[in-house]
C-alpha atoms as a PDB file:
ATOM      1  CA  MET A   1     270.388  80.804  54.501  1.00  0.00           C
ATOM      2  CA  THR A   2     272.041  79.524  51.777  1.00  0.00           C
ATOM      3  CA  PHE A   3     275.168  80.683  49.266  1.00  0.00           C
ATOM      4  CA  ASN A   4     272.960  81.294  47.396  1.00  0.00           C
ATOM      5  CA  SER A   5     270.145  83.149  49.659  1.00  0.00           C
ATOM      6  CA  PHE A   6     272.689  85.617  51.100  1.00  0.00           C
ATOM      7  CA  VAL A   7     273.999  86.322  47.251  1.00  0.00           C
ATOM      8  CA  SER A   8     270.674  87.877  46.403  1.00  0.00           C
ATOM      9  CA  LEU A   9     270.190  89.305  50.236  1.00  0.00           C
ATOM     10  CA  GLN A  10     272.966  91.497  49.344  1.00  0.00           C
ATOM     11  CA  ALA A  11     272.548  92.672  46.096  1.00  0.00           C
ATOM     12  CA  ALA A  12     268.339  93.248  47.065  1.00  0.00           C
ATOM     13  CA  ILE A  13     270.768  95.884  49.831  1.00  0.00           C
ATOM     14  CA  ALA A  14     272.855  97.271  47.835  1.00  0.00           C
ATOM     15  CA  VAL A  15     271.295  98.333  44.493  1.00  0.00           C
ATOM     16  CA  PRO A  16     268.401 100.005  45.935  1.00  0.00           C
ATOM     17  CA  LEU A  17     270.950 102.389  47.302  1.00  0.00           C
ATOM     18  CA  GLY A  18     272.979 102.445  44.564  1.00  0.00           C
ATOM     19  CA  LEU A  19     270.185 102.873  42.940  1.00  0.00           C
ATOM     20  CA  LEU A  20     269.391 105.712  44.861  1.00  0.00           C
ATOM     21  CA  VAL A  21     272.008 107.535  44.962  1.00  0.00           C
ATOM     22  CA  ALA A  22     271.963 107.348  40.897  1.00  0.00           C
ATOM     23  CA  ILE A  23     268.820 108.788  41.026  1.00  0.00           C
ATOM     24  CA  LEU A  24     270.115 111.797  43.291  1.00  0.00           C
ATOM     25  CA  ALA A  25     272.896 112.212  41.419  1.00  0.00           C
ATOM     26  CA  TRP A  26     270.494 112.579  37.862  1.00  0.00           C
ATOM     27  CA  LYS A  27     268.613 114.749  39.752  1.00  0.00           C
ATOM     28  CA  GLY A  28     271.278 117.589  40.178  1.00  0.00           C
ATOM     29  CA  GLN A  29     270.595 117.246  44.344  1.00  0.00           C
ATOM     30  CA  ILE A  30     274.753 115.342  44.408  1.00  0.00           C
ATOM     31  CA  GLU A  31     277.423 117.417  42.650  1.00  0.00           C
ATOM     32  CA  GLY A  32     279.573 114.896  40.168  1.00  0.00           C
ATOM     33  CA  SER A  33     282.093 113.515  42.045  1.00  0.00           C
ATOM     34  CA  ARG A  34     280.848 113.417  45.667  1.00  0.00           C
ATOM     35  CA  SER A  35     277.492 111.681  43.514  1.00  0.00           C
ATOM     36  CA  VAL A  36     280.649 109.205  42.765  1.00  0.00           C
ATOM     37  CA  LEU A  37     282.110 108.116  46.167  1.00  0.00           C
ATOM     38  CA  LEU A  38     278.540 107.321  47.533  1.00  0.00           C
ATOM     39  CA  PHE A  39     277.744 105.446  44.622  1.00  0.00           C
ATOM     40  CA  ILE A  40     280.315 103.623  46.122  1.00  0.00           C
ATOM     41  CA  LEU A  41     279.807 103.558  49.441  1.00  0.00           C
ATOM     42  CA  ALA A  42     276.398 102.848  49.454  1.00  0.00           C
ATOM     43  CA  PHE A  43     276.725  99.629  47.152  1.00  0.00           C
ATOM     44  CA  PHE A  44     279.456  98.555  49.970  1.00  0.00           C
ATOM     45  CA  THR A  45     277.397  98.952  52.937  1.00  0.00           C
ATOM     46  CA  GLY A  46     274.722  97.034  50.619  1.00  0.00           C
ATOM     47  CA  VAL A  47     277.278  94.478  50.128  1.00  0.00           C
ATOM     48  CA  MET A  48     278.886  94.568  54.052  1.00  0.00           C
ATOM     49  CA  LEU A  49     275.453  94.565  55.802  1.00  0.00           C
ATOM     50  CA  PRO A  50     274.271  90.812  55.874  1.00  0.00           C
ATOM     51  CA  TYR A  51     277.985  89.970  55.971  1.00  0.00           C
ATOM     52  CA  ASN A  52     277.574  91.896  58.958  1.00  0.00           C
ATOM     53  CA  MET A  53     274.819  90.593  60.542  1.00  0.00           C
ATOM     54  CA  ILE A  54     274.851  87.085  60.466  1.00  0.00           C
ATOM     55  CA  ASN A  55     278.999  87.312  62.185  1.00  0.00           C
ATOM     56  CA  THR A  56     277.049  89.194  64.789  1.00  0.00           C
ATOM     57  CA  ARG A  57     275.318  86.530  65.176  1.00  0.00           C
ATOM     58  CA  ALA A  58     277.828  83.517  64.378  1.00  0.00           C
ATOM     59  CA  LEU A  59     279.860  85.646  67.703  1.00  0.00           C
ATOM     60  CA  LYS A  60     276.599  85.406  69.819  1.00  0.00           C
ATOM     61  CA  ARG A  61     276.196  82.047  68.643  1.00  0.00           C
ATOM     62  CA  GLN A  62     280.364  80.760  70.154  1.00  0.00           C
ATOM     63  CA  LYS A  63     279.878  82.824  72.617  1.00  0.00           C
ATOM     64  CA  GLU A  64     276.951  80.719  74.152  1.00  0.00           C
ATOM     65  CA  ILE A  65     278.431  77.613  73.270  1.00  0.00           C
ATOM     66  CA  GLN A  66     281.807  78.694  75.298  1.00  0.00           C
ATOM     67  CA  LYS A  67     279.805  79.767  78.680  1.00  0.00           C
ATOM     68  CA  SER A  68     277.773  76.374  78.025  1.00  0.00           C
ATOM     69  CA  LEU A  69     280.923  74.326  77.590  1.00  0.00           C
ATOM     70  CA  PRO A  70     282.112  73.767  81.016  1.00  0.00           C
ATOM     71  CA  ASP A  71     278.433  73.032  82.507  1.00  0.00           C
ATOM     72  CA  ILE A  72     277.720  69.888  79.895  1.00  0.00           C
ATOM     73  CA  LEU A  73     281.481  68.693  80.403  1.00  0.00           C
ATOM     74  CA  ASP A  74     280.563  67.881  83.933  1.00  0.00           C
ATOM     75  CA  LEU A  75     277.508  66.504  82.855  1.00  0.00           C
ATOM     76  CA  LEU A  76     278.748  64.840  80.503  1.00  0.00           C
ATOM     77  CA  LEU A  77     282.465  63.299  83.235  1.00  0.00           C
ATOM     78  CA  VAL A  78     279.611  62.568  85.912  1.00  0.00           C
ATOM     79  CA  SER A  79     277.789  60.448  83.432  1.00  0.00           C
ATOM     80  CA  VAL A  80     280.849  58.341  82.050  1.00  0.00           C
ATOM     81  CA  GLU A  81     281.472  57.897  85.605  1.00  0.00           C
ATOM     82  CA  ALA A  82     278.842  56.096  86.503  1.00  0.00           C
ATOM     83  CA  GLY A  83     279.428  53.423  83.362  1.00  0.00           C
ATOM     84  CA  LEU A  84     277.501  54.719  81.204  1.00  0.00           C
ATOM     85  CA  SER A  85     279.364  54.148  77.225  1.00  0.00           C
ATOM     86  CA  PHE A  86     280.599  57.838  75.353  1.00  0.00           C
ATOM     87  CA  ASP A  87     277.390  57.917  72.783  1.00  0.00           C
ATOM     88  CA  MET A  88     275.116  56.790  75.342  1.00  0.00           C
ATOM     89  CA  SER A  89     275.654  60.198  77.922  1.00  0.00           C
ATOM     90  CA  LEU A  90     275.822  62.353  74.322  1.00  0.00           C
ATOM     91  CA  LYS A  91     272.457  61.149  74.363  1.00  0.00           C
ATOM     92  CA  ARG A  92     271.800  61.740  78.089  1.00  0.00           C
ATOM     93  CA  ILE A  93     272.932  65.171  77.989  1.00  0.00           C
ATOM     94  CA  THR A  94     270.793  65.889  74.795  1.00  0.00           C
ATOM     95  CA  GLU A  95     268.180  64.656  77.096  1.00  0.00           C
ATOM     96  CA  GLN A  96     269.097  66.825  79.901  1.00  0.00           C
ATOM     97  CA  SER A  97     269.906  70.187  78.571  1.00  0.00           C
ATOM     98  CA  SER A  98     269.154  72.939  75.959  1.00  0.00           C
ATOM     99  CA  GLY A  99     270.382  74.778  74.490  1.00  0.00           C
ATOM    100  CA  VAL A 100     273.227  75.412  70.920  1.00  0.00           C
ATOM    101  CA  LEU A 101     275.748  73.035  71.375  1.00  0.00           C
ATOM    102  CA  SER A 102     272.591  70.054  72.195  1.00  0.00           C
ATOM    103  CA  LYS A 103     271.416  70.944  69.729  1.00  0.00           C
ATOM    104  CA  GLU A 104     275.310  70.391  68.667  1.00  0.00           C
ATOM    105  CA  ILE A 105     275.378  67.551  69.711  1.00  0.00           C
ATOM    106  CA  THR A 106     272.209  66.053  68.799  1.00  0.00           C
ATOM    107  CA  ARG A 107     272.662  66.068  65.125  1.00  0.00           C
ATOM    108  CA  ALA A 108     276.430  64.866  65.991  1.00  0.00           C
ATOM    109  CA  LEU A 109     274.062  61.469  67.340  1.00  0.00           C
ATOM    110  CA  GLU A 110     272.236  61.552  64.289  1.00  0.00           C
ATOM    111  CA  GLU A 111     274.609  61.821  62.110  1.00  0.00           C
ATOM    112  CA  MET A 112     276.201  58.628  63.890  1.00  0.00           C
ATOM    113  CA  ARG A 113     272.948  56.857  64.127  1.00  0.00           C
ATOM    114  CA  LEU A 114     273.205  57.454  59.937  1.00  0.00           C
ATOM    115  CA  GLY A 115     276.677  55.498  59.509  1.00  0.00           C
ATOM    116  CA  LYS A 116     278.830  58.475  60.491  1.00  0.00           C
ATOM    117  CA  PRO A 117     281.871  57.729  61.898  1.00  0.00           C
ATOM    118  CA  ARG A 118     281.551  59.210  66.052  1.00  0.00           C
ATOM    119  CA  GLU A 119     285.556  61.009  64.561  1.00  0.00           C
ATOM    120  CA  GLU A 120     284.135  62.535  61.727  1.00  0.00           C
ATOM    121  CA  ALA A 121     280.997  63.137  63.219  1.00  0.00           C
ATOM    122  CA  LEU A 122     282.376  65.427  66.641  1.00  0.00           C
ATOM    123  CA  ARG A 123     284.856  67.399  64.009  1.00  0.00           C
ATOM    124  CA  GLY A 124     281.544  67.944  62.641  1.00  0.00           C
ATOM    125  CA  ILE A 125     280.573  70.043  65.203  1.00  0.00           C
ATOM    126  CA  VAL A 126     284.278  71.622  65.373  1.00  0.00           C
ATOM    127  CA  ARG A 127     283.925  73.075  61.665  1.00  0.00           C
ATOM    128  CA  ARG A 128     280.109  74.163  62.515  1.00  0.00           C
ATOM    129  CA  THR A 129     280.553  75.500  65.866  1.00  0.00           C
ATOM    130  CA  GLY A 130     284.893  77.355  65.633  1.00  0.00           C
ATOM    131  CA  VAL A 131     284.990  77.591  69.295  1.00  0.00           C
ATOM    132  CA  PRO A 132     288.633  76.941  70.408  1.00  0.00           C
ATOM    133  CA  ASP A 133     288.093  75.375  73.939  1.00  0.00           C
ATOM    134  CA  LEU A 134     284.873  72.624  71.969  1.00  0.00           C
ATOM    135  CA  SER A 135     288.150  71.550  69.383  1.00  0.00           C
ATOM    136  CA  SER A 136     290.497  71.191  73.001  1.00  0.00           C
ATOM    137  CA  LEU A 137     287.912  68.844  73.962  1.00  0.00           C
ATOM    138  CA  ILE A 138     286.921  66.729  70.504  1.00  0.00           C
ATOM    139  CA  SER A 139     290.667  67.030  69.816  1.00  0.00           C
ATOM    140  CA  ALA A 140     291.294  64.897  72.689  1.00  0.00           C
ATOM    141  CA  ILE A 141     288.333  62.896  73.378  1.00  0.00           C
ATOM    142  CA  ILE A 142     289.950  61.322  69.857  1.00  0.00           C
ATOM    143  CA  GLN A 143     292.770  61.186  70.752  1.00  0.00           C
ATOM    144  CA  ALA A 144     292.446  58.799  73.554  1.00  0.00           C
ATOM    145  CA  GLU A 145     290.176  57.173  72.464  1.00  0.00           C
ATOM    146  CA  GLN A 146     292.847  56.399  69.550  1.00  0.00           C
ATOM    147  CA  LEU A 147     295.172  55.596  71.822  1.00  0.00           C
ATOM    148  CA  GLY A 148     293.095  53.203  74.289  1.00  0.00           C
ATOM    149  CA  GLY A 149     293.029  55.790  77.116  1.00  0.00           C
ATOM    150  CA  ASN A 150     290.521  56.686  79.893  1.00  0.00           C
ATOM    151  CA  ILE A 151     288.006  59.075  78.355  1.00  0.00           C
ATOM    152  CA  ALA A 152     287.047  59.584  81.803  1.00  0.00           C
ATOM    153  CA  ASN A 153     290.318  61.017  82.948  1.00  0.00           C
ATOM    154  CA  THR A 154     290.776  62.716  79.823  1.00  0.00           C
ATOM    155  CA  LEU A 155     287.115  64.083  80.113  1.00  0.00           C
ATOM    156  CA  ARG A 156     288.090  65.258  83.997  1.00  0.00           C
ATOM    157  CA  ILE A 157     291.518  66.673  83.018  1.00  0.00           C
ATOM    158  CA  GLN A 158     289.072  68.871  80.528  1.00  0.00           C
ATOM    159  CA  ALA A 159     286.335  69.986  83.432  1.00  0.00           C
ATOM    160  CA  THR A 160     289.332  70.947  85.526  1.00  0.00           C
ATOM    161  CA  SER A 161     290.931  73.146  82.196  1.00  0.00           C
ATOM    162  CA  MET A 162     287.532  74.963  81.563  1.00  0.00           C
ATOM    163  CA  ARG A 163     286.563  75.245  84.811  1.00  0.00           C
ATOM    164  CA  GLN A 164     289.609  77.285  84.803  1.00  0.00           C
ATOM    165  CA  LYS A 165     289.278  79.437  81.682  1.00  0.00           C
ATOM    166  CA  ARG A 166     286.122  80.533  82.676  1.00  0.00           C
ATOM    167  CA  ARG A 167     287.470  81.721  85.848  1.00  0.00           C
ATOM    168  CA  GLN A 168     289.812  84.526  83.494  1.00  0.00           C
ATOM    169  CA  ARG A 169     287.538  85.275  81.639  1.00  0.00           C
ATOM    170  CA  ALA A 170     285.012  85.985  84.332  1.00  0.00           C
ATOM    171  CA  GLU A 171     288.187  87.907  85.628  1.00  0.00           C
ATOM    172  CA  GLU A 172     289.524  89.657  83.043  1.00  0.00           C
ATOM    173  CA  ALA A 173     286.036  91.180  82.319  1.00  0.00           C
ATOM    174  CA  ALA A 174     285.613  92.251  85.915  1.00  0.00           C
ATOM    175  CA  MET A 175     289.547  93.432  85.009  1.00  0.00           C
ATOM    176  CA  LYS A 176     288.177  95.953  82.296  1.00  0.00           C
ATOM    177  CA  ALA A 177     285.097  96.951  83.977  1.00  0.00           C
ATOM    178  CA  PRO A 178     286.868  99.939  85.168  1.00  0.00           C
ATOM    179  CA  ILE A 179     287.847 101.099  81.822  1.00  0.00           C
ATOM    180  CA  LYS A 180     283.946 100.690  80.120  1.00  0.00           C
ATOM    181  CA  MET A 181     283.050 102.364  82.958  1.00  0.00           C
ATOM    182  CA  LEU A 182     285.258 104.882  82.873  1.00  0.00           C
ATOM    183  CA  PHE A 183     283.035 106.925  79.594  1.00  0.00           C
ATOM    184  CA  PRO A 184     280.356 107.348  80.886  1.00  0.00           C
ATOM    185  CA  LEU A 185     281.512 108.270  84.185  1.00  0.00           C
ATOM    186  CA  VAL A 186     283.472 111.005  82.377  1.00  0.00           C
ATOM    187  CA  PHE A 187     280.644 112.741  80.199  1.00  0.00           C
ATOM    188  CA  PHE A 188     277.311 112.290  81.701  1.00  0.00           C
ATOM    189  CA  ILE A 189     277.859 111.435  85.899  1.00  0.00           C
ATOM    190  CA  PHE A 190     280.654 114.038  86.177  1.00  0.00           C
ATOM    191  CA  PRO A 191     279.229 117.242  84.861  1.00  0.00           C
ATOM    192  CA  THR A 192     275.565 116.410  86.501  1.00  0.00           C
ATOM    193  CA  LEU A 193     277.931 116.319  89.844  1.00  0.00           C
ATOM    194  CA  PHE A 194     279.497 119.434  88.671  1.00  0.00           C
ATOM    195  CA  ILE A 195     276.607 121.540  88.524  1.00  0.00           C
ATOM    196  CA  VAL A 196     275.240 119.979  91.558  1.00  0.00           C
ATOM    197  CA  LEU A 197     277.623 121.119  93.663  1.00  0.00           C
ATOM    198  CA  LEU A 198     278.769 124.235  91.536  1.00  0.00           C
ATOM    199  CA  GLY A 199     275.303 125.822  90.553  1.00  0.00           C
ATOM    200  CA  PRO A 200     274.475 127.591  93.951  1.00  0.00           C
ATOM    201  CA  ALA A 201     277.264 128.855  94.305  1.00  0.00           C
ATOM    202  CA  PHE A 202     277.653 130.002  90.522  1.00  0.00           C
ATOM    203  CA  ILE A 203     273.896 131.076  90.780  1.00  0.00           C
ATOM    204  CA  ARG A 204     274.505 133.236  94.846  1.00  0.00           C
ATOM    205  CA  ILE A 205     278.113 134.611  92.803  1.00  0.00           C
ATOM    206  CA  MET A 206     276.257 135.745  89.554  1.00  0.00           C
ATOM    207  CA  GLN A 207     273.519 137.454  92.313  1.00  0.00           C
ATOM    208  CA  THR A 208     276.361 139.275  94.030  1.00  0.00           C
ATOM    209  CA  PHE A 209     278.062 140.530  90.766  1.00  0.00           C
ATOM    210  CA  THR A 210     274.454 141.850  89.619  1.00  0.00           C
ATOM    211  CA  THR A 211     273.580 143.635  93.415  1.00  0.00           C
ATOM    212  CA  LEU A 212     277.202 145.426  92.749  1.00  0.00           C
END
């Protein structure tokens, strides 16, 4: 989707919503002061709805990249330690794995094949994805290449760091689980238990009072 098509989508949603509110106000179904507020709200909703949809898809894409990054990094490390060059290792990754990150690596390899410098092609992955872990990895690889360092050692350090971060995120999600379960527990499970446990006793008490 290009920028012009995105703006067109916003207009295609916002303008009909605004016209609908204007027609309802013109027919007298909405009061004058309230119609202005509803018109602004409808137009704002039409403008922001496509943005929220794209933002949601972008966050989902970033989570997918972040989830697959440690496994792809381990595969890259194994390929480099096996004696393959860095470019051939990247190509091996695209052959052995699939997903968003693999597609981004394929695009970077195609750009390098067409003559773009490796540093620029790798930084293009960072610009398109916006994942902090991937940004730190690519920055470390570029720095090691510029300083003449051992890329295998750099990848090994980064792989250890990525696994630790993934473990920390899993522990953090596990710690948040009880808090997320509190709402359905209080509003759905507890009332059902109270009905099952106290319902028969309440019925018997009502029958006793009725008899008296």
